[in-house]
Amino acid sequence: MFTWRGAMILGISFVAAGVVYLLVQGSGETLDRAGATMLIVLGAAMAFTFTILLRGSRGL
């Protein structure tokens, strides 16, 4: 069963993966800022949405 804390951990893990992905690339011409930004935004959106859904619904 999913909990809202689990949803937060899932979202934070995507944010952390995006930050690590950005930092590992170094500072070159081929820096992929769009991919890292999308991972970070995906993690924040997932954490926010799933937390609101799971805390608001008593049936889950």
Protein backbone atom coordinates (compact mmCIF):
# COMPACT_ATOMS: atom_id res chain seq x y z
CA MET A 1 0.00 0.00 0.00
CA PHE A 2 1.30 3.44 -0.90
CA THR A 3 1.63 6.18 1.66
CA TRP A 4 2.18 9.89 1.22
CA ARG A 5 5.66 9.57 2.71
CA GLY A 6 6.51 6.99 0.06
CA ALA A 7 5.30 9.40 -2.61
CA MET A 8 7.56 12.11 -1.22
CA ILE A 9 10.54 9.75 -1.23
CA LEU A 10 9.81 8.76 -4.83
CA GLY A 11 9.65 12.39 -5.94
CA ILE A 12 12.78 13.35 -4.02
CA SER A 13 14.64 10.46 -5.63
CA PHE A 14 13.80 11.80 -9.10
CA VAL A 15 14.93 15.29 -8.06
CA ALA A 16 18.18 13.83 -6.73
CA ALA A 17 18.70 11.85 -9.94
CA GLY A 18 18.24 15.04 -11.96
CA VAL A 19 20.75 16.95 -9.83
CA VAL A 20 23.27 14.10 -10.04
CA TYR A 21 22.72 13.88 -13.80
CA LEU A 22 23.43 17.59 -14.11
CA LEU A 23 26.55 17.47 -11.92
CA VAL A 24 28.08 14.36 -13.53
CA GLN A 25 28.09 15.91 -17.00
CA GLY A 26 30.75 18.47 -16.16
CA SER A 27 30.90 21.84 -17.85
CA GLY A 28 31.32 21.26 -21.55
CA GLU A 29 29.60 22.18 -24.77
CA THR A 30 27.43 19.06 -24.65
CA LEU A 31 25.85 19.87 -21.29
CA ASP A 32 22.26 18.56 -21.30
CA ARG A 33 20.44 21.08 -19.15
CA ALA A 34 17.03 20.23 -20.60
CA GLY A 35 17.18 16.58 -19.53
CA ALA A 36 18.27 17.45 -16.01
CA THR A 37 15.60 20.14 -15.74
CA MET A 38 12.91 17.72 -16.89
CA LEU A 39 13.99 15.11 -14.31
CA ILE A 40 13.94 17.69 -11.52
CA VAL A 41 10.53 19.06 -12.54
CA LEU A 42 9.16 15.52 -12.97
CA GLY A 43 10.25 14.62 -9.45
CA ALA A 44 8.75 17.78 -7.95
CA ALA A 45 5.47 17.30 -9.82
CA MET A 46 5.20 13.62 -8.86
CA ALA A 47 5.93 14.32 -5.22
CA PHE A 48 3.39 17.15 -5.07
CA THR A 49 0.63 15.33 -6.97
CA PHE A 50 0.93 11.96 -5.26
CA THR A 51 1.23 13.55 -1.83
CA ILE A 52 -1.94 15.58 -2.35
CA LEU A 53 -3.82 12.59 -3.76
CA LEU A 54 -2.76 10.14 -1.08
CA ARG A 55 -3.23 12.50 1.86
CA GLY A 56 -6.63 13.64 0.59
CA SER A 57 -8.11 10.23 -0.13
CA ARG A 58 -8.95 8.13 2.88
CA GLY A 59 -9.83 5.05 0.84
CA LEU A 60 -6.32 4.34 -0.43
